C-alpha cells in the first residue's frame, strides 16, 4: 500500500496528474472530467470534502490534468482519497487510480 501524500489544510490544493505515455496525445479531448476528494472509504454524501476543479495543461494533448481547490481551511483532518472520472461523449466511463492524501493541520495562522 502506498503511503498517503501529506497535504496541509489551509493551503491551495493543486495536484498534477500525468496521463501515461501509452495513451495517445489528445485521447481525452472532448471527454468530461470530474474529480472529488472524499474522506477515506466514505462514498456517502457525508464523505464529500470537495468537488475539485479540473483543467488540462494543454487541451490538445490531454497529457497533464490539474486538480485544484483554493479554500481548504475547513477540510477535515485525516486520510482522504481522490480519483478522476473520465466520461466519453459516447457515455463510456473510465476512472484513474485512487490517490490517497493525509490532510494535516496547519500551524501558522
C-alpha atoms as a PDB file:
ATOM      1  CA  UNK A   1       0.000   0.000   0.000  1.00  0.00           C
ATOM      2  CA  UNK A   2       1.306   3.447  -0.948  1.00  0.00           C
ATOM      3  CA  UNK A   3       1.879   5.947   1.837  1.00  0.00           C
ATOM      4  CA  UNK A   4      -0.569   8.905   1.717  1.00  0.00           C
ATOM      5  CA  UNK A   5       0.743  12.181   0.294  1.00  0.00           C
ATOM      6  CA  UNK A   6       0.867  14.831   3.049  1.00  0.00           C
ATOM      7  CA  UNK A   7      -1.278  17.929   2.473  1.00  0.00           C
ATOM      8  CA  UNK A   8      -1.514  20.914   4.841  1.00  0.00           C
ATOM      9  CA  UNK A   9      -5.057  22.152   5.392  1.00  0.00           C
ATOM     10  CA  UNK A  10      -5.425  25.865   4.628  1.00  0.00           C
ATOM     11  CA  UNK A  11      -3.200  25.848   1.543  1.00  0.00           C
ATOM     12  CA  UNK A  12      -4.372  25.735  -2.053  1.00  0.00           C
ATOM     13  CA  UNK A  13      -4.830  22.149  -3.198  1.00  0.00           C
ATOM     14  CA  UNK A  14      -3.122  21.733  -6.578  1.00  0.00           C
ATOM     15  CA  UNK A  15      -2.125  18.342  -7.930  1.00  0.00           C
ATOM     16  CA  UNK A  16      -0.964  17.491 -11.449  1.00  0.00           C
ATOM     17  CA  UNK A  17      -1.970  14.067 -12.733  1.00  0.00           C
ATOM     18  CA  UNK A  18       0.108  12.794 -15.651  1.00  0.00           C
ATOM     19  CA  UNK A  19      -1.603  10.588 -18.228  1.00  0.00           C
ATOM     20  CA  UNK A  20       0.623   7.581 -19.081  1.00  0.00           C
ATOM     21  CA  UNK A  21       2.657   7.873 -22.281  1.00  0.00           C
ATOM     22  CA  UNK A  22       0.969   4.711 -23.574  1.00  0.00           C
ATOM     23  CA  UNK A  23      -2.162   6.849 -24.119  1.00  0.00           C
ATOM     24  CA  UNK A  24      -2.080   8.736 -27.423  1.00  0.00           C
ATOM     25  CA  UNK A  25      -1.986  12.540 -27.362  1.00  0.00           C
ATOM     26  CA  UNK A  26      -5.478  14.029 -27.426  1.00  0.00           C
ATOM     27  CA  UNK A  27      -7.212  10.808 -26.376  1.00  0.00           C
ATOM     28  CA  UNK A  28      -9.318  12.593 -23.735  1.00  0.00           C
ATOM     29  CA  UNK A  29     -10.193  15.596 -25.909  1.00  0.00           C
ATOM     30  CA  UNK A  30     -13.971  16.224 -25.668  1.00  0.00           C
ATOM     31  CA  UNK A  31     -14.310  13.877 -22.670  1.00  0.00           C
ATOM     32  CA  UNK A  32     -15.919  15.133 -19.466  1.00  0.00           C
ATOM     33  CA  UNK A  33     -13.610  15.131 -16.445  1.00  0.00           C
ATOM     34  CA  UNK A  34     -14.744  15.121 -12.816  1.00  0.00           C
ATOM     35  CA  UNK A  35     -12.802  14.702  -9.558  1.00  0.00           C
ATOM     36  CA  UNK A  36     -13.813  14.728  -5.901  1.00  0.00           C
ATOM     37  CA  UNK A  37     -11.840  14.478  -2.709  1.00  0.00           C
ATOM     38  CA  UNK A  38     -13.561  12.350  -0.078  1.00  0.00           C
ATOM     39  CA  UNK A  39     -12.917  11.005   3.382  1.00  0.00           C
ATOM     40  CA  UNK A  40     -11.289   7.585   3.074  1.00  0.00           C
ATOM     41  CA  UNK A  41     -13.764   4.748   2.414  1.00  0.00           C
ATOM     42  CA  UNK A  42     -16.799   7.052   2.545  1.00  0.00           C
ATOM     43  CA  UNK A  43     -18.842   7.137  -0.666  1.00  0.00           C
ATOM     44  CA  UNK A  44     -21.851   8.734   1.085  1.00  0.00           C
ATOM     45  CA  UNK A  45     -22.753  12.418   0.919  1.00  0.00           C
ATOM     46  CA  UNK A  46     -21.132  12.854   4.342  1.00  0.00           C
ATOM     47  CA  UNK A  47     -17.787  11.751   2.875  1.00  0.00           C
ATOM     48  CA  UNK A  48     -17.561  14.503   0.272  1.00  0.00           C
ATOM     49  CA  UNK A  49     -14.888  17.057   1.140  1.00  0.00           C
ATOM     50  CA  UNK A  50     -14.853  18.987  -2.160  1.00  0.00           C
ATOM     51  CA  UNK A  51     -15.665  18.873  -5.849  1.00  0.00           C
ATOM     52  CA  UNK A  52     -12.313  19.702  -7.412  1.00  0.00           C
ATOM     53  CA  UNK A  53     -11.713  21.981 -10.368  1.00  0.00           C
ATOM     54  CA  UNK A  54     -10.165  20.081 -13.283  1.00  0.00           C
ATOM     55  CA  UNK A  55      -8.248  21.613 -16.188  1.00  0.00           C
ATOM     56  CA  UNK A  56      -5.850  20.320 -18.811  1.00  0.00           C
ATOM     57  CA  UNK A  57      -2.416  21.950 -19.030  1.00  0.00           C
ATOM     58  CA  UNK A  58      -2.822  21.543 -22.825  1.00  0.00           C
ATOM     59  CA  UNK A  59      -6.328  20.677 -24.058  1.00  0.00           C
ATOM     60  CA  UNK A  60      -4.910  19.419 -27.372  1.00  0.00           C
ATOM     61  CA  UNK A  61      -2.645  16.732 -25.909  1.00  0.00           C
ATOM     62  CA  UNK A  62      -4.680  15.950 -22.735  1.00  0.00           C
ATOM     63  CA  UNK A  63      -1.437  14.758 -21.162  1.00  0.00           C
ATOM     64  CA  UNK A  64      -1.419  16.572 -17.768  1.00  0.00           C
ATOM     65  CA  UNK A  65      -4.551  17.211 -15.715  1.00  0.00           C
ATOM     66  CA  UNK A  66      -4.580  19.759 -12.888  1.00  0.00           C
ATOM     67  CA  UNK A  67      -6.851  19.046  -9.911  1.00  0.00           C
ATOM     68  CA  UNK A  68      -7.327  22.099  -7.700  1.00  0.00           C
ATOM     69  CA  UNK A  69      -9.329  23.744  -4.919  1.00  0.00           C
ATOM     70  CA  UNK A  70      -8.460  27.078  -3.335  1.00  0.00           C
ATOM     71  CA  UNK A  71     -10.176  27.225   0.077  1.00  0.00           C
ATOM     72  CA  UNK A  72      -9.147  24.217   2.176  1.00  0.00           C
ATOM     73  CA  UNK A  73      -9.330  25.881   5.624  1.00  0.00           C
ATOM     74  CA  UNK A  74     -12.360  23.807   6.654  1.00  0.00           C
ATOM     75  CA  UNK A  75     -11.224  20.444   5.276  1.00  0.00           C
ATOM     76  CA  UNK A  76     -11.329  17.705   7.913  1.00  0.00           C
ATOM     77  CA  UNK A  77      -8.071  16.252   9.157  1.00  0.00           C
ATOM     78  CA  UNK A  78      -7.207  12.675   8.262  1.00  0.00           C
ATOM     79  CA  UNK A  79      -6.955  10.376   5.286  1.00  0.00           C
ATOM     80  CA  UNK A  80      -8.754  11.409   2.090  1.00  0.00           C
ATOM     81  CA  UNK A  81      -8.990   9.891  -1.384  1.00  0.00           C
ATOM     82  CA  UNK A  82      -9.224  11.259  -4.915  1.00  0.00           C
ATOM     83  CA  UNK A  83      -9.865   9.626  -8.238  1.00  0.00           C
ATOM     84  CA  UNK A  84     -10.817  11.049 -11.613  1.00  0.00           C
ATOM     85  CA  UNK A  85     -13.868  10.046 -13.640  1.00  0.00           C
ATOM     86  CA  UNK A  86     -13.481  10.474 -17.406  1.00  0.00           C
ATOM     87  CA  UNK A  87     -16.690  10.308 -19.479  1.00  0.00           C
ATOM     88  CA  UNK A  88     -16.557   9.996 -23.274  1.00  0.00           C
ATOM     89  CA  UNK A  89     -19.154  11.690 -25.494  1.00  0.00           C
ATOM     90  CA  UNK A  90     -20.468   8.152 -26.176  1.00  0.00           C
ATOM     91  CA  UNK A  91     -21.075   7.638 -22.437  1.00  0.00           C
ATOM     92  CA  UNK A  92     -18.125   5.287 -21.883  1.00  0.00           C
ATOM     93  CA  UNK A  93     -16.617   5.878 -18.431  1.00  0.00           C
ATOM     94  CA  UNK A  94     -13.065   5.348 -17.193  1.00  0.00           C
ATOM     95  CA  UNK A  95     -11.518   6.019 -13.782  1.00  0.00           C
ATOM     96  CA  UNK A  96      -7.996   6.797 -12.668  1.00  0.00           C
ATOM     97  CA  UNK A  97      -6.209   5.039  -9.862  1.00  0.00           C
ATOM     98  CA  UNK A  98      -7.128   6.253  -6.384  1.00  0.00           C
ATOM     99  CA  UNK A  99      -4.683   8.723  -4.854  1.00  0.00           C
ATOM    100  CA  UNK A 100      -4.541   8.976  -1.064  1.00  0.00           C
ATOM    101  CA  UNK A 101      -3.768  12.170   0.871  1.00  0.00           C
ATOM    102  CA  UNK A 102      -3.260  12.806   4.569  1.00  0.00           C
ATOM    103  CA  UNK A 103      -4.849  16.164   5.399  1.00  0.00           C
ATOM    104  CA  UNK A 104      -2.717  17.577   8.203  1.00  0.00           C
ATOM    105  CA  UNK A 105      -3.358  20.516  10.488  1.00  0.00           C
ATOM    106  CA  UNK A 106      -1.889  23.871   9.609  1.00  0.00           C
ATOM    107  CA  UNK A 107       0.395  25.546  12.122  1.00  0.00           C
ATOM    108  CA  UNK A 108       0.987  29.154  11.045  1.00  0.00           C
ATOM    109  CA  UNK A 109      -2.097  31.353  11.311  1.00  0.00           C
END
